[in-house]
Amino acid sequence: MEPPKRIAFTPTGTASLFVSDTTVTNNHSNGILVTGTVNGALNRVTASGNGVGIFASGTGVSLTLTDTVSDNNNYGVGASASAVMVRNSTVSNNAVGIAADQTAIARVSQSTVTANGTGLQTTNGGQWVSFGNNNVSGNSTDGVATTTVALQ
C-alpha cells in the first residue's frame, strides 16, 4: 500500500499556490492545508479519505477549486476566516460537505453537494454564497446558502 499523500502549504511571506491533476488520500488530518497569505488555484484535484479534504485557514488565504472532487472525508472543503471559490466540483460522501467558519466566505458555482451528513454548514459568521446553479440535495441535512447572487 502507498503511504498517504498530502500537501501542507504555509509560506512565511505572500505566495501563490497552483496544484493540478493531484490526488491526496487517507490522511487522518488534512489532505491539502493552506495557511498564511496565499492566492491559489486547485484544478482537477481529488481529496478522499482525509480528516478535511481541502482546508483553507486564515484571513490571507484565497483559493479557487475547479473540477475538483472531495469525497469520503470528515469535511470535504473547509474554510476558516478565508475565501474559497468552488466551481464545477463534486463534494460527496463526507460528514460535512462544505463548511465556512470564523467569517470565511465559501462561494459555490456549478457544483454538486450530495450524500453528505450535512451538505452546507456555516458557523461563527461564516458565509456560504451560491450563484444559484448548484445541485445541493440528497444530504441528511442539505443546509442553505447564506446568500444567492445572480450570474453575470
N, C-alpha and C. Protein backbone atom coordinates (compact mmCIF):
# COMPACT_ATOMS: atom_id res chain seq x y z
N MET A 1 0.84 -1.18 0.00
CA MET A 1 0.00 0.00 0.00
C MET A 1 0.88 1.24 0.00
N GLU A 2 0.46 2.23 -0.80
CA GLU A 2 1.19 3.50 -0.85
C GLU A 2 0.99 4.30 0.43
N PRO A 3 2.00 5.08 0.85
CA PRO A 3 1.79 5.96 2.00
C PRO A 3 0.82 7.07 1.64
N PRO A 4 0.17 7.66 2.64
CA PRO A 4 -0.77 8.76 2.37
C PRO A 4 -0.07 9.91 1.65
N LYS A 5 -0.83 10.61 0.83
CA LYS A 5 -0.33 11.78 0.10
C LYS A 5 -1.05 13.00 0.63
N ARG A 6 -0.31 14.06 0.98
CA ARG A 6 -0.92 15.29 1.47
C ARG A 6 -0.05 16.47 1.12
N ILE A 7 -0.66 17.66 1.18
CA ILE A 7 0.05 18.90 0.91
C ILE A 7 -0.25 19.85 2.06
N ALA A 8 0.79 20.39 2.69
CA ALA A 8 0.65 21.43 3.71
C ALA A 8 1.46 22.62 3.23
N PHE A 9 0.78 23.72 2.92
CA PHE A 9 1.43 24.90 2.35
C PHE A 9 1.26 26.06 3.31
N THR A 10 2.36 26.47 3.94
CA THR A 10 2.34 27.56 4.91
C THR A 10 3.57 28.44 4.67
N PRO A 11 3.51 29.32 3.68
CA PRO A 11 4.68 30.16 3.39
C PRO A 11 4.88 31.23 4.46
N THR A 12 6.11 31.73 4.55
CA THR A 12 6.40 32.78 5.53
C THR A 12 6.05 34.17 5.00
N GLY A 13 5.94 34.34 3.70
CA GLY A 13 5.54 35.62 3.10
C GLY A 13 4.36 35.40 2.18
N THR A 14 4.07 36.40 1.38
CA THR A 14 2.99 36.28 0.40
C THR A 14 3.41 35.29 -0.68
N ALA A 15 2.47 34.40 -1.06
CA ALA A 15 2.82 33.36 -2.02
C ALA A 15 1.62 32.98 -2.88
N SER A 16 1.93 32.27 -3.95
CA SER A 16 0.91 31.70 -4.82
C SER A 16 1.06 30.19 -4.78
N LEU A 17 -0.07 29.50 -4.93
CA LEU A 17 -0.07 28.04 -4.95
C LEU A 17 -0.94 27.56 -6.10
N PHE A 18 -0.39 26.70 -6.94
CA PHE A 18 -1.13 26.10 -8.05
C PHE A 18 -0.92 24.60 -7.99
N VAL A 19 -2.03 23.86 -7.88
CA VAL A 19 -1.98 22.41 -7.83
C VAL A 19 -2.94 21.87 -8.87
N SER A 20 -2.45 20.98 -9.73
CA SER A 20 -3.29 20.38 -10.77
C SER A 20 -3.06 18.88 -10.84
N ASP A 21 -4.12 18.16 -11.26
CA ASP A 21 -4.02 16.73 -11.53
C ASP A 21 -3.36 15.97 -10.38
N THR A 22 -3.89 16.16 -9.17
CA THR A 22 -3.28 15.60 -7.96
C THR A 22 -4.34 14.91 -7.12
N THR A 23 -3.94 13.80 -6.47
CA THR A 23 -4.80 13.08 -5.55
C THR A 23 -4.16 13.07 -4.17
N VAL A 24 -4.93 13.42 -3.14
CA VAL A 24 -4.47 13.34 -1.76
C VAL A 24 -5.43 12.39 -1.04
N THR A 25 -4.89 11.35 -0.40
CA THR A 25 -5.74 10.31 0.16
C THR A 25 -5.26 9.82 1.52
N ASN A 26 -6.24 9.36 2.29
CA ASN A 26 -6.03 8.59 3.51
C ASN A 26 -5.14 9.26 4.55
N ASN A 27 -5.36 10.56 4.76
CA ASN A 27 -4.67 11.29 5.81
C ASN A 27 -5.63 11.47 6.98
N HIS A 28 -5.17 11.29 8.17
CA HIS A 28 -6.04 11.47 9.33
C HIS A 28 -6.33 12.94 9.59
N SER A 29 -5.47 13.83 9.06
CA SER A 29 -5.74 15.26 9.23
C SER A 29 -6.17 15.83 7.88
N ASN A 30 -5.43 16.75 7.31
CA ASN A 30 -5.85 17.44 6.09
C ASN A 30 -5.20 16.83 4.85
N GLY A 31 -5.99 16.70 3.80
CA GLY A 31 -5.41 16.29 2.52
C GLY A 31 -4.58 17.43 1.95
N ILE A 32 -5.19 18.63 1.88
CA ILE A 32 -4.49 19.85 1.49
C ILE A 32 -4.81 20.91 2.52
N LEU A 33 -3.79 21.47 3.13
CA LEU A 33 -3.92 22.55 4.11
C LEU A 33 -3.18 23.77 3.58
N VAL A 34 -3.88 24.90 3.51
CA VAL A 34 -3.27 26.15 3.05
C VAL A 34 -3.49 27.20 4.12
N THR A 35 -2.39 27.78 4.63
CA THR A 35 -2.44 28.85 5.63
C THR A 35 -1.44 29.94 5.23
N GLY A 36 -1.56 31.10 5.84
CA GLY A 36 -0.64 32.20 5.56
C GLY A 36 -1.31 33.22 4.67
N THR A 37 -0.51 33.86 3.81
CA THR A 37 -1.02 34.82 2.83
C THR A 37 -0.82 34.20 1.47
N VAL A 38 -1.89 33.59 0.96
CA VAL A 38 -1.78 32.76 -0.25
C VAL A 38 -2.96 33.01 -1.18
N ASN A 39 -2.66 33.24 -2.44
CA ASN A 39 -3.66 33.19 -3.51
C ASN A 39 -3.36 31.92 -4.27
N GLY A 40 -4.39 31.07 -4.44
CA GLY A 40 -4.11 29.80 -5.07
C GLY A 40 -5.23 29.25 -5.90
N ALA A 41 -4.88 28.28 -6.72
CA ALA A 41 -5.86 27.59 -7.56
C ALA A 41 -5.57 26.10 -7.53
N LEU A 42 -6.62 25.32 -7.29
CA LEU A 42 -6.53 23.87 -7.34
C LEU A 42 -7.43 23.42 -8.47
N ASN A 43 -6.87 22.66 -9.40
CA ASN A 43 -7.59 22.25 -10.59
C ASN A 43 -7.45 20.74 -10.77
N ARG A 44 -8.57 20.07 -10.93
CA ARG A 44 -8.59 18.61 -11.10
C ARG A 44 -7.87 17.91 -9.96
N VAL A 45 -8.24 18.26 -8.74
CA VAL A 45 -7.70 17.64 -7.53
C VAL A 45 -8.75 16.70 -6.96
N THR A 46 -8.32 15.54 -6.48
CA THR A 46 -9.18 14.62 -5.76
C THR A 46 -8.67 14.49 -4.34
N ALA A 47 -9.55 14.74 -3.36
CA ALA A 47 -9.22 14.60 -1.94
C ALA A 47 -10.18 13.57 -1.35
N SER A 48 -9.65 12.43 -0.90
CA SER A 48 -10.51 11.35 -0.44
C SER A 48 -9.92 10.65 0.78
N GLY A 49 -10.78 10.38 1.75
CA GLY A 49 -10.35 9.63 2.93
C GLY A 49 -9.49 10.41 3.90
N ASN A 50 -9.70 11.71 3.98
CA ASN A 50 -8.91 12.58 4.86
C ASN A 50 -9.77 13.10 6.01
N GLY A 51 -9.13 13.72 6.99
CA GLY A 51 -9.89 14.43 8.02
C GLY A 51 -10.66 15.57 7.36
N VAL A 52 -9.94 16.50 6.75
CA VAL A 52 -10.52 17.55 5.91
C VAL A 52 -9.88 17.38 4.53
N GLY A 53 -10.70 17.26 3.51
CA GLY A 53 -10.15 17.07 2.17
C GLY A 53 -9.29 18.24 1.76
N ILE A 54 -9.88 19.45 1.74
CA ILE A 54 -9.17 20.68 1.38
C ILE A 54 -9.54 21.72 2.42
N PHE A 55 -8.52 22.30 3.07
CA PHE A 55 -8.76 23.23 4.17
C PHE A 55 -7.98 24.51 3.96
N ALA A 56 -8.69 25.64 3.87
CA ALA A 56 -8.10 26.97 3.76
C ALA A 56 -8.30 27.66 5.10
N SER A 57 -7.20 28.11 5.72
CA SER A 57 -7.29 28.67 7.06
C SER A 57 -6.52 29.98 7.17
N GLY A 58 -7.24 31.05 7.49
CA GLY A 58 -6.60 32.34 7.74
C GLY A 58 -7.10 33.42 6.80
N THR A 59 -7.08 34.66 7.30
CA THR A 59 -7.64 35.78 6.55
C THR A 59 -6.87 36.08 5.26
N GLY A 60 -5.66 35.62 5.15
CA GLY A 60 -4.87 35.89 3.94
C GLY A 60 -5.00 34.84 2.87
N VAL A 61 -5.84 33.84 3.08
CA VAL A 61 -5.95 32.74 2.11
C VAL A 61 -7.15 32.94 1.19
N SER A 62 -6.88 32.87 -0.11
CA SER A 62 -7.91 32.92 -1.13
C SER A 62 -7.64 31.79 -2.12
N LEU A 63 -8.55 30.80 -2.17
CA LEU A 63 -8.36 29.63 -3.03
C LEU A 63 -9.52 29.48 -3.99
N THR A 64 -9.21 29.04 -5.19
CA THR A 64 -10.23 28.66 -6.17
C THR A 64 -10.05 27.19 -6.49
N LEU A 65 -11.13 26.41 -6.34
CA LEU A 65 -11.13 24.99 -6.65
C LEU A 65 -11.98 24.78 -7.90
N THR A 66 -11.42 24.17 -8.93
CA THR A 66 -12.14 23.94 -10.17
C THR A 66 -12.01 22.48 -10.56
N ASP A 67 -13.12 21.87 -10.98
CA ASP A 67 -13.12 20.47 -11.44
C ASP A 67 -12.49 19.56 -10.39
N THR A 68 -12.86 19.77 -9.14
CA THR A 68 -12.28 19.06 -8.01
C THR A 68 -13.31 18.11 -7.41
N VAL A 69 -12.83 16.99 -6.88
CA VAL A 69 -13.68 16.02 -6.19
C VAL A 69 -13.17 15.89 -4.77
N SER A 70 -14.09 16.02 -3.81
CA SER A 70 -13.75 15.83 -2.41
C SER A 70 -14.77 14.87 -1.82
N ASP A 71 -14.33 13.64 -1.51
CA ASP A 71 -15.28 12.64 -1.03
C ASP A 71 -14.67 11.77 0.07
N ASN A 72 -15.56 11.22 0.88
CA ASN A 72 -15.19 10.31 1.96
C ASN A 72 -14.21 10.91 2.96
N ASN A 73 -14.39 12.19 3.27
CA ASN A 73 -13.61 12.88 4.30
C ASN A 73 -14.54 13.21 5.47
N ASN A 74 -13.97 13.66 6.58
CA ASN A 74 -14.84 14.22 7.63
C ASN A 74 -15.47 15.51 7.13
N TYR A 75 -14.65 16.41 6.59
CA TYR A 75 -15.11 17.64 5.93
C TYR A 75 -14.57 17.59 4.51
N GLY A 76 -15.44 17.84 3.53
CA GLY A 76 -14.98 17.85 2.14
C GLY A 76 -14.11 19.06 1.85
N VAL A 77 -14.68 20.25 2.06
CA VAL A 77 -13.97 21.51 1.88
C VAL A 77 -14.23 22.35 3.13
N GLY A 78 -13.17 22.81 3.76
CA GLY A 78 -13.30 23.64 4.95
C GLY A 78 -12.64 24.98 4.74
N ALA A 79 -13.31 26.04 5.19
CA ALA A 79 -12.75 27.39 5.11
C ALA A 79 -12.91 28.04 6.47
N SER A 80 -11.82 28.53 7.04
CA SER A 80 -11.85 29.22 8.32
C SER A 80 -11.20 30.59 8.14
N ALA A 81 -11.99 31.65 8.27
CA ALA A 81 -11.51 33.04 8.12
C ALA A 81 -10.77 33.23 6.80
N SER A 82 -11.25 32.58 5.74
CA SER A 82 -10.59 32.66 4.43
C SER A 82 -11.66 32.77 3.34
N ALA A 83 -11.22 32.86 2.10
CA ALA A 83 -12.15 32.91 0.97
C ALA A 83 -11.87 31.73 0.04
N VAL A 84 -12.94 30.98 -0.26
CA VAL A 84 -12.82 29.83 -1.14
C VAL A 84 -13.89 29.91 -2.22
N MET A 85 -13.50 29.65 -3.46
CA MET A 85 -14.44 29.55 -4.57
C MET A 85 -14.40 28.11 -5.05
N VAL A 86 -15.56 27.44 -5.06
CA VAL A 86 -15.67 26.06 -5.52
C VAL A 86 -16.49 26.10 -6.80
N ARG A 87 -15.88 25.68 -7.91
CA ARG A 87 -16.56 25.77 -9.21
C ARG A 87 -16.47 24.45 -9.94
N ASN A 88 -17.61 24.01 -10.46
CA ASN A 88 -17.69 22.81 -11.28
C ASN A 88 -17.06 21.61 -10.57
N SER A 89 -17.41 21.43 -9.32
CA SER A 89 -16.80 20.39 -8.49
C SER A 89 -17.86 19.52 -7.85
N THR A 90 -17.43 18.37 -7.32
CA THR A 90 -18.32 17.45 -6.63
C THR A 90 -17.82 17.23 -5.22
N VAL A 91 -18.72 17.43 -4.24
CA VAL A 91 -18.41 17.23 -2.83
C VAL A 91 -19.43 16.23 -2.31
N SER A 92 -18.99 15.00 -2.02
CA SER A 92 -19.95 13.95 -1.67
C SER A 92 -19.38 12.97 -0.66
N ASN A 93 -20.30 12.32 0.05
CA ASN A 93 -19.98 11.24 1.00
C ASN A 93 -19.03 11.68 2.11
N ASN A 94 -19.16 12.92 2.55
CA ASN A 94 -18.39 13.44 3.69
C ASN A 94 -19.34 13.61 4.87
N ALA A 95 -18.81 13.71 6.08
CA ALA A 95 -19.67 14.05 7.21
C ALA A 95 -20.26 15.44 6.99
N VAL A 96 -19.42 16.41 6.57
CA VAL A 96 -19.85 17.76 6.19
C VAL A 96 -19.27 18.05 4.82
N GLY A 97 -20.10 18.50 3.89
CA GLY A 97 -19.64 18.78 2.53
C GLY A 97 -18.75 20.00 2.46
N ILE A 98 -19.34 21.19 2.64
CA ILE A 98 -18.60 22.45 2.59
C ILE A 98 -18.90 23.23 3.85
N ALA A 99 -17.86 23.60 4.58
CA ALA A 99 -18.02 24.32 5.85
C ALA A 99 -17.32 25.67 5.76
N ALA A 100 -18.03 26.72 6.20
CA ALA A 100 -17.47 28.07 6.29
C ALA A 100 -17.56 28.50 7.76
N ASP A 101 -16.40 28.76 8.37
CA ASP A 101 -16.33 29.08 9.80
C ASP A 101 -15.49 30.33 10.01
N GLN A 102 -15.70 31.01 11.12
CA GLN A 102 -14.88 32.17 11.51
C GLN A 102 -14.83 33.24 10.42
N THR A 103 -15.97 33.68 9.95
CA THR A 103 -16.13 34.73 8.94
C THR A 103 -15.63 34.33 7.55
N ALA A 104 -15.39 33.07 7.30
CA ALA A 104 -14.98 32.62 5.97
C ALA A 104 -16.11 32.84 4.97
N ILE A 105 -15.75 32.97 3.71
CA ILE A 105 -16.72 33.06 2.63
C ILE A 105 -16.43 31.92 1.67
N ALA A 106 -17.41 31.02 1.52
CA ALA A 106 -17.32 29.94 0.55
C ALA A 106 -18.30 30.26 -0.57
N ARG A 107 -17.78 30.54 -1.75
CA ARG A 107 -18.61 30.81 -2.93
C ARG A 107 -18.66 29.54 -3.77
N VAL A 108 -19.86 29.17 -4.24
CA VAL A 108 -20.00 27.91 -4.94
C VAL A 108 -20.82 28.11 -6.21
N SER A 109 -20.31 27.57 -7.32
CA SER A 109 -20.98 27.70 -8.62
C SER A 109 -20.84 26.40 -9.40
N GLN A 110 -21.92 25.98 -10.05
CA GLN A 110 -21.93 24.82 -10.93
C GLN A 110 -21.39 23.56 -10.25
N SER A 111 -21.69 23.36 -8.99
CA SER A 111 -21.15 22.24 -8.25
C SER A 111 -22.25 21.36 -7.68
N THR A 112 -21.89 20.12 -7.35
CA THR A 112 -22.81 19.16 -6.77
C THR A 112 -22.35 18.84 -5.35
N VAL A 113 -23.27 18.98 -4.40
CA VAL A 113 -23.02 18.66 -3.00
C VAL A 113 -24.09 17.65 -2.61
N THR A 114 -23.70 16.38 -2.47
CA THR A 114 -24.69 15.32 -2.25
C THR A 114 -24.12 14.19 -1.41
N ALA A 115 -25.02 13.46 -0.77
CA ALA A 115 -24.69 12.26 0.00
C ALA A 115 -23.76 12.54 1.18
N ASN A 116 -23.81 13.76 1.72
CA ASN A 116 -23.05 14.13 2.91
C ASN A 116 -23.97 14.08 4.12
N GLY A 117 -23.42 14.02 5.32
CA GLY A 117 -24.24 14.16 6.51
C GLY A 117 -24.90 15.53 6.51
N THR A 118 -24.08 16.58 6.42
CA THR A 118 -24.55 17.96 6.25
C THR A 118 -23.92 18.48 4.96
N GLY A 119 -24.74 18.98 4.06
CA GLY A 119 -24.21 19.47 2.79
C GLY A 119 -23.45 20.77 2.95
N LEU A 120 -24.13 21.78 3.51
CA LEU A 120 -23.55 23.12 3.67
C LEU A 120 -23.63 23.51 5.13
N GLN A 121 -22.53 23.96 5.67
CA GLN A 121 -22.52 24.34 7.09
C GLN A 121 -21.83 25.68 7.25
N THR A 122 -22.48 26.60 7.98
CA THR A 122 -21.86 27.88 8.32
C THR A 122 -21.90 28.04 9.84
N THR A 123 -20.79 28.48 10.41
CA THR A 123 -20.70 28.72 11.85
C THR A 123 -19.86 29.96 12.10
N ASN A 124 -20.09 30.61 13.23
CA ASN A 124 -19.27 31.73 13.69
C ASN A 124 -19.08 32.82 12.63
N GLY A 125 -20.16 33.19 11.95
CA GLY A 125 -20.10 34.27 10.98
C GLY A 125 -19.66 33.85 9.59
N GLY A 126 -19.48 32.56 9.36
CA GLY A 126 -19.12 32.08 8.02
C GLY A 126 -20.28 32.29 7.06
N GLN A 127 -19.96 32.45 5.78
CA GLN A 127 -20.99 32.65 4.75
C GLN A 127 -20.81 31.63 3.63
N TRP A 128 -21.94 31.16 3.14
CA TRP A 128 -21.97 30.25 2.00
C TRP A 128 -22.74 30.97 0.92
N VAL A 129 -22.06 31.35 -0.16
CA VAL A 129 -22.66 32.14 -1.23
C VAL A 129 -22.83 31.26 -2.46
N SER A 130 -24.07 31.19 -2.96
CA SER A 130 -24.38 30.38 -4.14
C SER A 130 -24.67 31.29 -5.32
N PHE A 131 -24.31 30.82 -6.51
CA PHE A 131 -24.66 31.52 -7.73
C PHE A 131 -25.96 30.97 -8.32
N GLY A 132 -26.64 30.10 -7.55
CA GLY A 132 -27.95 29.61 -7.93
C GLY A 132 -27.94 28.50 -8.97
N ASN A 133 -26.78 27.95 -9.28
CA ASN A 133 -26.70 26.91 -10.30
C ASN A 133 -26.03 25.64 -9.78
N ASN A 134 -26.24 25.36 -8.50
CA ASN A 134 -25.65 24.18 -7.85
C ASN A 134 -26.71 23.11 -7.64
N ASN A 135 -26.25 21.88 -7.44
CA ASN A 135 -27.11 20.77 -7.06
C ASN A 135 -26.78 20.41 -5.62
N VAL A 136 -27.62 20.85 -4.71
CA VAL A 136 -27.43 20.55 -3.29
C VAL A 136 -28.66 19.77 -2.85
N SER A 137 -28.52 18.44 -2.81
CA SER A 137 -29.63 17.59 -2.40
C SER A 137 -29.09 16.20 -2.08
N GLY A 138 -29.93 15.43 -1.40
CA GLY A 138 -29.54 14.07 -1.06
C GLY A 138 -28.59 13.98 0.12
N ASN A 139 -28.43 15.07 0.85
CA ASN A 139 -27.64 15.06 2.08
C ASN A 139 -28.59 14.77 3.24
N SER A 140 -28.12 14.27 4.36
CA SER A 140 -29.01 14.09 5.51
C SER A 140 -29.64 15.43 5.88
N THR A 141 -28.81 16.49 5.91
CA THR A 141 -29.27 17.88 6.04
C THR A 141 -28.59 18.66 4.93
N ASP A 142 -29.37 19.23 4.02
CA ASP A 142 -28.76 19.93 2.89
C ASP A 142 -28.05 21.21 3.31
N GLY A 143 -28.66 21.98 4.19
CA GLY A 143 -28.14 23.29 4.52
C GLY A 143 -28.63 24.31 3.51
N VAL A 144 -28.46 25.57 3.81
CA VAL A 144 -29.00 26.63 2.98
C VAL A 144 -27.91 27.68 2.75
N ALA A 145 -27.85 28.19 1.53
CA ALA A 145 -26.91 29.26 1.24
C ALA A 145 -27.25 30.50 2.06
N THR A 146 -26.22 31.18 2.56
CA THR A 146 -26.42 32.43 3.27
C THR A 146 -26.94 33.49 2.32
N THR A 147 -26.38 33.49 1.09
CA THR A 147 -26.74 34.45 0.07
C THR A 147 -26.75 33.75 -1.29
N THR A 148 -27.68 34.14 -2.14
CA THR A 148 -27.66 33.69 -3.54
C THR A 148 -27.51 34.93 -4.40
N VAL A 149 -26.51 34.91 -5.27
CA VAL A 149 -26.29 36.05 -6.15
C VAL A 149 -26.53 35.63 -7.59
N ALA A 150 -26.91 36.58 -8.42
CA ALA A 150 -27.19 36.29 -9.83
C ALA A 150 -25.91 36.14 -10.60
N LEU A 151 -25.94 35.25 -11.58
CA LEU A 151 -24.82 35.12 -12.51
C LEU A 151 -24.74 36.36 -13.37
N GLN A 152 -23.55 36.76 -13.74
CA GLN A 152 -23.41 37.93 -14.60
C GLN A 152 -22.74 37.54 -15.89
